[in-house]
């Protein structure tokens, strides 16, 4: 194949917000290199699969997806990137249908690699691990015109025993504060209303003499009508300084996502999480003490801070008693939202060597029990919003014709009166009339 015959690309993204952000930079790079984005997968000459390896279910998706893409178009070139790209077992299983494996960190060199594929001169599908954070200097093609994901760094140093991220993305490397601030300023000038700072562990950020708290203040001080979110924090790096910064910065949303992963100290130690459950609970109490009912730049009524978490059930060796400690954690912390997962062995991790001795049926039962608790605490938290006037960033319109969006506390709101003067990507004031476990209904003021 000659390059002039390859004009269109399509990107399939699986996984977290970091993967979504990486795909935005990949799209921008490809367009700058002369390719055009296809609206449909079967119209593309090159299909990029940005993979996730955090859970087995995410990995299994690609094994069904790859042959499907080949059936749709036998001549298509398939390129694999993301968290599975350096896994030798994945390469062995997919090598007959994959044209190139490349690390997203080596994005600046992708054009040369594609030239080799398209000229049919490259017999080596493998890519060396990339150079670090240079690819983050590429301006992304952001999919939204009002909400932007801003990666402040890449990689992880924590080596949780169940997690592949340090192996997939390498060690932590962070962007300079000046580079991040410049990117945010340009987006605010373009009218963006929501800035989300992301990294594998945002609160591990360090650049020159600045930490994440300092960076958050600098972003908060940028002029404009917008709000700031950040994901994901690690409990071991959630400092008193950062909690105070969240409390005083008026553009920083009143929502903290703090993964617990387990409510039992023995399991946390086996997970290599580097904190105790007692320390974790104290952090939540501090956040609620300092950040509850904070003054927020776009909010009329003061709102309680929203807390969400991640938790894994069925980690190797987890007993019923240890699971009950996780359930107790859910009851005590009264989360607004939680992302639960059934443990699945990840090739190359420390936990992969352990016996996966909690069967799938038991894992499902435990997960369902946590969700039952979560529904009750989330519903109780949402009842506090009844009659409140809240600012909502409009995200779109649902199938029933109602606009919907989120509050600064990350609550989903459906705007139940229909009006034509509402626009996607704008802030509106809504009075809450109905509360559910994971959502609110309100009317425009």
Foldseek 3Di string as FASTA:
>chain_A
DAPVVFAEEEEAEDDDPVSVQLVQLLQLLVVVVRHHYDPDLLVHQEYEYAFDQLFVVRVVVVLVVQVVSCVSPVRHAYEYEHQCLPPPVSCVSCVVRHQAREYSLQSVCVVVVVNCSNVVNDPDRYYDHHDFCPSLLRDGNDPDLAADEREQWEADDQQQQQGSRCVRINHIDGDALVSRLVNLLVSQVSPHAEYEYEYQAQQCDDDDHDGSLNSLVSNLPRDHHHAYHYDDHQLVRLDPSNLLSCQARQRYFLEHEYAPQFLQQVVCVNRSSPDHNVSVVVSLVSSQVRRFQGHHPQWDGGHGRAYEYEYEPQQFPQDPVRLVSRLVVCLVSLHLYYHYYYRDHGPPGNSNPGDSPQDPVNRVVSVVSSVVSLLVSNQVRQVVQAQGKFKFQWAAADPVGWTWGATSNGAIETAPDDDDPDDHNDIFIWHWHDTGSRHTYTHGD
